[in-house]
Amino acid sequence: MSIEERRIDRLYKLLHQVERNDPDTAAALRWAIFELERMVKG
């Protein structure tokens, strides 16, 4: 697993922690994860 993939996994964990209490932060994290996954695959 690459460093980028590990970072994305950590962001997913953070997303799951905040998504119920802070929808704005969750939305920002989803966008960041989307962009990082695009960069890693692209």
PDB file of N, CA and C in Angstrom:
ATOM      1  N   MET A   1       0.848  -1.179   0.000  1.00  0.00           N
ATOM      2  CA  MET A   1       0.000   0.000   0.000  1.00  0.00           C
ATOM      3  C   MET A   1       0.895   1.244   0.000  1.00  0.00           C
ATOM      4  N   SER A   2       0.606   2.148  -0.908  1.00  0.00           N
ATOM      5  CA  SER A   2       1.420   3.352  -1.024  1.00  0.00           C
ATOM      6  C   SER A   2       1.064   4.369   0.064  1.00  0.00           C
ATOM      7  N   ILE A   3       1.908   5.360   0.192  1.00  0.00           N
ATOM      8  CA  ILE A   3       1.659   6.434   1.164  1.00  0.00           C
ATOM      9  C   ILE A   3       0.349   7.146   0.855  1.00  0.00           C
ATOM     10  N   GLU A   4       0.097   7.390  -0.421  1.00  0.00           N
ATOM     11  CA  GLU A   4      -1.145   8.070  -0.805  1.00  0.00           C
ATOM     12  C   GLU A   4      -2.362   7.248  -0.397  1.00  0.00           C
ATOM     13  N   GLU A   5      -2.296   5.950  -0.602  1.00  0.00           N
ATOM     14  CA  GLU A   5      -3.419   5.086  -0.225  1.00  0.00           C
ATOM     15  C   GLU A   5      -3.621   5.066   1.281  1.00  0.00           C
ATOM     16  N   ARG A   6      -2.546   5.091   2.030  1.00  0.00           N
ATOM     17  CA  ARG A   6      -2.662   5.145   3.493  1.00  0.00           C
ATOM     18  C   ARG A   6      -3.282   6.465   3.939  1.00  0.00           C
ATOM     19  N   ARG A   7      -2.899   7.533   3.285  1.00  0.00           N
ATOM     20  CA  ARG A   7      -3.482   8.838   3.636  1.00  0.00           C
ATOM     21  C   ARG A   7      -4.969   8.871   3.330  1.00  0.00           C
ATOM     22  N   ILE A   8      -5.358   8.291   2.205  1.00  0.00           N
ATOM     23  CA  ILE A   8      -6.771   8.238   1.852  1.00  0.00           C
ATOM     24  C   ILE A   8      -7.538   7.409   2.885  1.00  0.00           C
ATOM     25  N   ASP A   9      -6.978   6.298   3.314  1.00  0.00           N
ATOM     26  CA  ASP A   9      -7.617   5.481   4.350  1.00  0.00           C
ATOM     27  C   ASP A   9      -7.811   6.280   5.632  1.00  0.00           C
ATOM     28  N   ARG A  10      -6.814   7.057   6.007  1.00  0.00           N
ATOM     29  CA  ARG A  10      -6.927   7.883   7.214  1.00  0.00           C
ATOM     30  C   ARG A  10      -8.015   8.928   7.059  1.00  0.00           C
ATOM     31  N   LEU A  11      -8.133   9.493   5.854  1.00  0.00           N
ATOM     32  CA  LEU A  11      -9.202  10.470   5.609  1.00  0.00           C
ATOM     33  C   LEU A  11     -10.575   9.818   5.696  1.00  0.00           C
ATOM     34  N   TYR A  12     -10.711   8.580   5.194  1.00  0.00           N
ATOM     35  CA  TYR A  12     -11.981   7.862   5.320  1.00  0.00           C
ATOM     36  C   TYR A  12     -12.340   7.647   6.786  1.00  0.00           C
ATOM     37  N   LYS A  13     -11.368   7.293   7.612  1.00  0.00           N
ATOM     38  CA  LYS A  13     -11.625   7.107   9.042  1.00  0.00           C
ATOM     39  C   LYS A  13     -12.088   8.408   9.682  1.00  0.00           C
ATOM     40  N   LEU A  14     -11.425   9.497   9.328  1.00  0.00           N
ATOM     41  CA  LEU A  14     -11.826  10.803   9.847  1.00  0.00           C
ATOM     42  C   LEU A  14     -13.228  11.156   9.369  1.00  0.00           C
ATOM     43  N   LEU A  15     -13.517  10.876   8.116  1.00  0.00           N
ATOM     44  CA  LEU A  15     -14.849  11.148   7.567  1.00  0.00           C
ATOM     45  C   LEU A  15     -15.923  10.425   8.380  1.00  0.00           C
ATOM     46  N   HIS A  16     -15.700   9.149   8.674  1.00  0.00           N
ATOM     47  CA  HIS A  16     -16.683   8.386   9.433  1.00  0.00           C
ATOM     48  C   HIS A  16     -16.868   8.944  10.847  1.00  0.00           C
ATOM     49  N   GLN A  17     -15.838   9.552  11.400  1.00  0.00           N
ATOM     50  CA  GLN A  17     -15.942  10.126  12.743  1.00  0.00           C
ATOM     51  C   GLN A  17     -16.769  11.402  12.752  1.00  0.00           C
ATOM     52  N   VAL A  18     -16.699  12.204  11.691  1.00  0.00           N
ATOM     53  CA  VAL A  18     -17.338  13.527  11.720  1.00  0.00           C
ATOM     54  C   VAL A  18     -18.640  13.619  10.952  1.00  0.00           C
ATOM     55  N   GLU A  19     -18.981  12.631  10.132  1.00  0.00           N
ATOM     56  CA  GLU A  19     -20.087  12.819   9.201  1.00  0.00           C
ATOM     57  C   GLU A  19     -21.440  13.071   9.855  1.00  0.00           C
ATOM     58  N   ARG A  20     -21.686  12.537  11.024  1.00  0.00           N
ATOM     59  CA  ARG A  20     -22.991  12.781  11.680  1.00  0.00           C
ATOM     60  C   ARG A  20     -23.066  14.148  12.350  1.00  0.00           C
ATOM     61  N   ASN A  21     -21.959  14.560  12.962  1.00  0.00           N
ATOM     62  CA  ASN A  21     -21.972  15.798  13.750  1.00  0.00           C
ATOM     63  C   ASN A  21     -21.596  17.039  12.962  1.00  0.00           C
ATOM     64  N   ASP A  22     -20.898  16.870  11.849  1.00  0.00           N
ATOM     65  CA  ASP A  22     -20.403  18.032  11.114  1.00  0.00           C
ATOM     66  C   ASP A  22     -20.496  17.777   9.602  1.00  0.00           C
ATOM     67  N   PRO A  23     -21.688  17.972   9.037  1.00  0.00           N
ATOM     68  CA  PRO A  23     -21.878  17.663   7.618  1.00  0.00           C
ATOM     69  C   PRO A  23     -21.020  18.514   6.681  1.00  0.00           C
ATOM     70  N   ASP A  24     -20.694  19.726   7.078  1.00  0.00           N
ATOM     71  CA  ASP A  24     -19.864  20.579   6.223  1.00  0.00           C
ATOM     72  C   ASP A  24     -18.443  20.028   6.116  1.00  0.00           C
ATOM     73  N   THR A  25     -17.882  19.618   7.242  1.00  0.00           N
ATOM     74  CA  THR A  25     -16.551  19.024   7.230  1.00  0.00           C
ATOM     75  C   THR A  25     -16.569  17.703   6.470  1.00  0.00           C
ATOM     76  N   ALA A  26     -17.622  16.927   6.650  1.00  0.00           N
ATOM     77  CA  ALA A  26     -17.749  15.658   5.941  1.00  0.00           C
ATOM     78  C   ALA A  26     -17.779  15.891   4.425  1.00  0.00           C
ATOM     79  N   ALA A  27     -18.481  16.908   3.995  1.00  0.00           N
ATOM     80  CA  ALA A  27     -18.540  17.211   2.562  1.00  0.00           C
ATOM     81  C   ALA A  27     -17.160  17.607   2.035  1.00  0.00           C
ATOM     82  N   ALA A  28     -16.441  18.402   2.795  1.00  0.00           N
ATOM     83  CA  ALA A  28     -15.091  18.801   2.384  1.00  0.00           C
ATOM     84  C   ALA A  28     -14.158  17.592   2.325  1.00  0.00           C
ATOM     85  N   LEU A  29     -14.285  16.696   3.282  1.00  0.00           N
ATOM     86  CA  LEU A  29     -13.458  15.495   3.288  1.00  0.00           C
ATOM     87  C   LEU A  29     -13.789  14.596   2.098  1.00  0.00           C
ATOM     88  N   ARG A  30     -15.082  14.474   1.781  1.00  0.00           N
ATOM     89  CA  ARG A  30     -15.463  13.659   0.618  1.00  0.00           C
ATOM     90  C   ARG A  30     -14.836  14.213  -0.650  1.00  0.00           C
ATOM     91  N   TRP A  31     -14.873  15.531  -0.794  1.00  0.00           N
ATOM     92  CA  TRP A  31     -14.276  16.151  -1.975  1.00  0.00           C
ATOM     93  C   TRP A  31     -12.758  15.931  -2.004  1.00  0.00           C
ATOM     94  N   ALA A  32     -12.102  16.075  -0.871  1.00  0.00           N
ATOM     95  CA  ALA A  32     -10.653  15.867  -0.798  1.00  0.00           C
ATOM     96  C   ALA A  32     -10.296  14.420  -1.135  1.00  0.00           C
ATOM     97  N   ILE A  33     -11.076  13.486  -0.607  1.00  0.00           N
ATOM     98  CA  ILE A  33     -10.832  12.073  -0.902  1.00  0.00           C
ATOM     99  C   ILE A  33     -11.018  11.810  -2.392  1.00  0.00           C
ATOM    100  N   PHE A  34     -12.074  12.355  -2.964  1.00  0.00           N
ATOM    101  CA  PHE A  34     -12.333  12.188  -4.390  1.00  0.00           C
ATOM    102  C   PHE A  34     -11.157  12.693  -5.222  1.00  0.00           C
ATOM    103  N   GLU A  35     -10.677  13.884  -4.897  1.00  0.00           N
ATOM    104  CA  GLU A  35      -9.571  14.468  -5.647  1.00  0.00           C
ATOM    105  C   GLU A  35      -8.276  13.648  -5.479  1.00  0.00           C
ATOM    106  N   LEU A  36      -7.992  13.210  -4.271  1.00  0.00           N
ATOM    107  CA  LEU A  36      -6.797  12.404  -4.042  1.00  0.00           C
ATOM    108  C   LEU A  36      -6.856  11.067  -4.776  1.00  0.00           C
ATOM    109  N   GLU A  37      -8.025  10.438  -4.738  1.00  0.00           N
ATOM    110  CA  GLU A  37      -8.166   9.166  -5.462  1.00  0.00           C
ATOM    111  C   GLU A  37      -7.975   9.368  -6.957  1.00  0.00           C
ATOM    112  N   ARG A  38      -8.472  10.476  -7.478  1.00  0.00           N
ATOM    113  CA  ARG A  38      -8.289  10.785  -8.901  1.00  0.00           C
ATOM    114  C   ARG A  38      -6.815  10.969  -9.229  1.00  0.00           C
ATOM    115  N   MET A  39      -6.094  11.652  -8.361  1.00  0.00           N
ATOM    116  CA  MET A  39      -4.672  11.895  -8.585  1.00  0.00           C
ATOM    117  C   MET A  39      -3.868  10.591  -8.527  1.00  0.00           C
ATOM    118  N   VAL A  40      -4.207   9.737  -7.561  1.00  0.00           N
ATOM    119  CA  VAL A  40      -3.485   8.479  -7.377  1.00  0.00           C
ATOM    120  C   VAL A  40      -3.702   7.560  -8.583  1.00  0.00           C
ATOM    121  N   LYS A  41      -4.931   7.503  -9.063  1.00  0.00           N
ATOM    122  CA  LYS A  41      -5.251   6.613 -10.176  1.00  0.00           C
ATOM    123  C   LYS A  41      -4.856   7.194 -11.518  1.00  0.00           C
ATOM    124  N   GLY A  42      -4.798   8.514 -11.569  1.00  0.00           N
ATOM    125  CA  GLY A  42      -4.652   9.185 -12.822  1.00  0.00           C
ATOM    126  C   GLY A  42      -3.357   9.288 -13.454  1.00  0.00           C
TER     127      GLY A  42
END
